[in-house]
């Protein structure tokens, strides 16, 4: 769930290139056809280590990768995209926004009433901290609504 966050950083794999005058890196979502096609079916030959006196017969095997197993399409002849590919603008180094992530996690812990991952794990195990399913309608209702316009700033640089 961090692919979009880390995509476009210096530490992310891939080379930078320019698209419409902006420095970008290619982004391939795990549900994209490009990610699923990376593990296409391949033919495997005889097994060099024979078990018993008969060689292992040739068979077609599917090479699984994270995308195919995650979207249950490792054995499907027809693949349906559940993600996209494109390019992401250069974000610089992860080191630049790591303090903001850290502060966000701290605020989330404070909202939940815990001080650490260990305390969160213990709270979940004891039933003190619970996760609840929210419908799409509840998510909309919980967001910004009723304003003619608004500005959403994710963080402020000091």
Protein backbone atom coordinates (compact mmCIF):
# COMPACT_ATOMS: atom_id res chain seq x y z
CA UNK A 1 0.00 0.00 0.00
CA UNK A 2 3.02 2.28 -0.11
CA UNK A 3 3.79 1.99 -3.84
CA UNK A 4 2.24 5.31 -4.79
CA UNK A 5 3.94 7.01 -1.86
CA UNK A 6 7.41 5.76 -2.71
CA UNK A 7 7.06 5.93 -6.51
CA UNK A 8 9.07 8.75 -8.03
CA UNK A 9 11.60 8.92 -5.22
CA UNK A 10 15.34 8.65 -5.78
CA UNK A 11 15.33 5.32 -3.95
CA UNK A 12 12.60 3.79 -6.15
CA UNK A 13 13.79 1.54 -8.99
CA UNK A 14 13.87 2.89 -12.53
CA UNK A 15 15.49 5.68 -14.44
CA UNK A 16 14.29 9.27 -14.57
CA UNK A 17 13.08 10.66 -17.88
CA UNK A 18 11.26 13.80 -18.99
CA UNK A 19 7.57 13.86 -19.91
CA UNK A 20 5.92 17.18 -20.85
CA UNK A 21 8.90 19.02 -19.38
CA UNK A 22 8.68 17.30 -15.99
CA UNK A 23 11.23 14.89 -14.54
CA UNK A 24 9.41 11.59 -13.92
CA UNK A 25 9.87 7.88 -13.27
CA UNK A 26 7.73 5.08 -14.66
CA UNK A 27 5.08 3.75 -12.27
CA UNK A 28 3.49 0.35 -12.62
CA UNK A 29 0.68 -0.40 -10.19
CA UNK A 30 0.58 -3.99 -8.92
CA UNK A 31 -2.90 -4.47 -10.40
CA UNK A 32 -1.82 -3.27 -13.85
CA UNK A 33 -1.59 -5.62 -16.81
CA UNK A 34 2.13 -4.82 -17.12
CA UNK A 35 2.77 -6.10 -13.59
CA UNK A 36 0.66 -9.22 -14.10
CA UNK A 37 2.25 -10.01 -17.47
CA UNK A 38 5.72 -9.99 -15.93
CA UNK A 39 5.06 -13.56 -14.73
CA UNK A 40 3.70 -15.14 -17.91
CA UNK A 41 3.61 -18.92 -18.26
CA UNK A 42 6.94 -20.45 -19.24
CA UNK A 43 7.98 -23.93 -20.32
CA UNK A 44 10.27 -25.84 -18.00
CA UNK A 45 12.48 -28.66 -19.19
CA UNK A 46 13.31 -31.97 -17.56
CA UNK A 47 14.33 -31.81 -13.96
CA UNK A 48 18.08 -32.50 -13.81
CA UNK A 49 17.67 -34.15 -10.40
CA UNK A 50 15.73 -37.29 -11.23
CA UNK A 51 13.60 -38.75 -8.50
CA UNK A 52 13.60 -42.52 -8.85
CA UNK A 53 14.49 -44.12 -12.18
CA UNK A 54 12.10 -42.04 -14.36
CA UNK A 55 12.78 -38.40 -15.32
CA UNK A 56 10.25 -35.73 -14.42
CA UNK A 57 7.95 -35.12 -17.41
CA UNK A 58 7.93 -31.74 -19.15
CA UNK A 59 5.16 -29.51 -17.95
CA UNK A 60 3.97 -25.96 -18.30
CA UNK A 61 4.30 -23.93 -15.13
CA UNK A 62 3.13 -20.47 -14.29
CA UNK A 63 5.69 -18.18 -12.77
CA UNK A 64 3.92 -16.38 -9.98
CA UNK A 65 4.74 -12.85 -8.97
CA UNK A 66 3.23 -10.52 -6.40
CA UNK A 67 0.82 -9.00 -8.90
CA UNK A 68 -0.65 -12.27 -10.18
CA UNK A 69 -1.06 -13.87 -6.77
CA UNK A 70 -2.43 -10.70 -5.18
CA UNK A 71 -5.18 -10.39 -7.78
CA UNK A 72 -5.87 -14.14 -8.07
CA UNK A 73 -4.88 -14.33 -11.72
CA UNK A 74 -1.85 -16.64 -11.64
CA UNK A 75 -3.66 -19.34 -13.59
CA UNK A 76 -6.06 -17.15 -15.57
CA UNK A 77 -5.73 -17.02 -19.34
CA UNK A 78 -7.63 -13.73 -19.27
CA UNK A 79 -6.19 -10.99 -17.12
CA UNK A 80 -8.27 -7.97 -16.12
CA UNK A 81 -6.48 -4.81 -15.06
CA UNK A 82 -7.15 -3.66 -11.50
CA UNK A 83 -4.50 -0.97 -11.53
CA UNK A 84 -2.73 1.45 -13.84
CA UNK A 85 0.69 2.21 -15.25
CA UNK A 86 2.03 5.65 -16.00
CA UNK A 87 4.67 8.00 -14.73
CA UNK A 88 5.12 9.84 -11.44
CA UNK A 89 6.75 13.21 -10.97
CA UNK A 90 10.15 13.27 -9.25
CA UNK A 91 9.66 13.52 -5.47
CA UNK A 92 13.32 13.68 -4.47
CA UNK A 93 14.64 11.51 -1.68
CA UNK A 94 12.53 9.60 0.83
CA UNK A 95 14.70 11.29 3.46
CA UNK A 96 12.98 14.61 2.68
CA UNK A 97 9.46 13.45 3.59
CA UNK A 98 10.29 10.78 6.19
CA UNK A 99 9.84 13.28 9.06
CA UNK A 100 6.29 13.99 7.82
CA UNK A 101 5.48 10.28 7.72
CA UNK A 102 6.88 9.85 11.22
CA UNK A 103 4.79 12.76 12.52
CA UNK A 104 1.70 11.36 10.78
CA UNK A 105 2.19 8.00 12.49
CA UNK A 106 2.68 9.76 15.84
CA UNK A 107 -0.60 11.66 15.37
CA UNK A 108 -2.40 8.46 14.40
CA UNK A 109 -1.08 6.68 17.49
CA UNK A 110 -2.26 9.62 19.59
CA UNK A 111 -5.74 9.41 18.02
CA UNK A 112 -5.88 5.69 18.82
CA UNK A 113 -4.47 6.15 22.32
CA UNK A 114 -1.22 4.19 22.00
CA UNK A 115 2.45 5.19 22.00
CA UNK A 116 4.12 2.47 19.92
CA UNK A 117 3.57 -0.34 17.44
CA UNK A 118 4.00 -2.84 20.28
CA UNK A 119 1.35 -1.08 22.33
CA UNK A 120 -0.96 -1.03 19.28
CA UNK A 121 -0.42 -4.76 18.73
CA UNK A 122 -1.16 -5.47 22.39
CA UNK A 123 -4.28 -3.28 22.30
CA UNK A 124 -5.61 -5.14 19.27
CA UNK A 125 -4.85 -8.51 20.87
CA UNK A 126 -6.64 -7.51 24.10
CA UNK A 127 -9.60 -6.01 22.23
CA UNK A 128 -8.91 -2.49 23.50
CA UNK A 129 -8.16 -1.23 19.97
CA UNK A 130 -10.61 -2.33 17.30
CA UNK A 131 -10.77 -1.84 13.55
CA UNK A 132 -14.17 -1.22 12.04
CA UNK A 133 -15.36 -1.58 8.46
CA UNK A 134 -16.61 1.66 6.90
CA UNK A 135 -18.89 1.69 3.87
CA UNK A 136 -18.17 3.95 0.91
CA UNK A 137 -21.00 6.23 2.09
CA UNK A 138 -19.45 6.48 5.56
CA UNK A 139 -16.10 7.36 4.02
CA UNK A 140 -17.70 10.17 1.98
CA UNK A 141 -19.57 11.41 5.05
CA UNK A 142 -16.35 11.34 7.08
CA UNK A 143 -14.55 13.49 4.51
CA UNK A 144 -14.86 17.18 3.72
CA UNK A 145 -18.40 17.97 2.61
CA UNK A 146 -20.80 20.90 2.57
CA UNK A 147 -18.17 23.45 1.52
CA UNK A 148 -18.33 25.37 -1.74
CA UNK A 149 -14.55 25.03 -2.09
CA UNK A 150 -11.59 24.10 0.06
CA UNK A 151 -7.82 23.74 -0.10
CA UNK A 152 -6.19 20.52 0.97
CA UNK A 153 -2.57 20.90 2.01
CA UNK A 154 -0.94 17.62 3.01
CA UNK A 155 1.94 19.14 4.95
CA UNK A 156 3.80 22.40 5.58
CA UNK A 157 7.51 22.77 5.10
CA UNK A 158 9.34 24.78 7.73
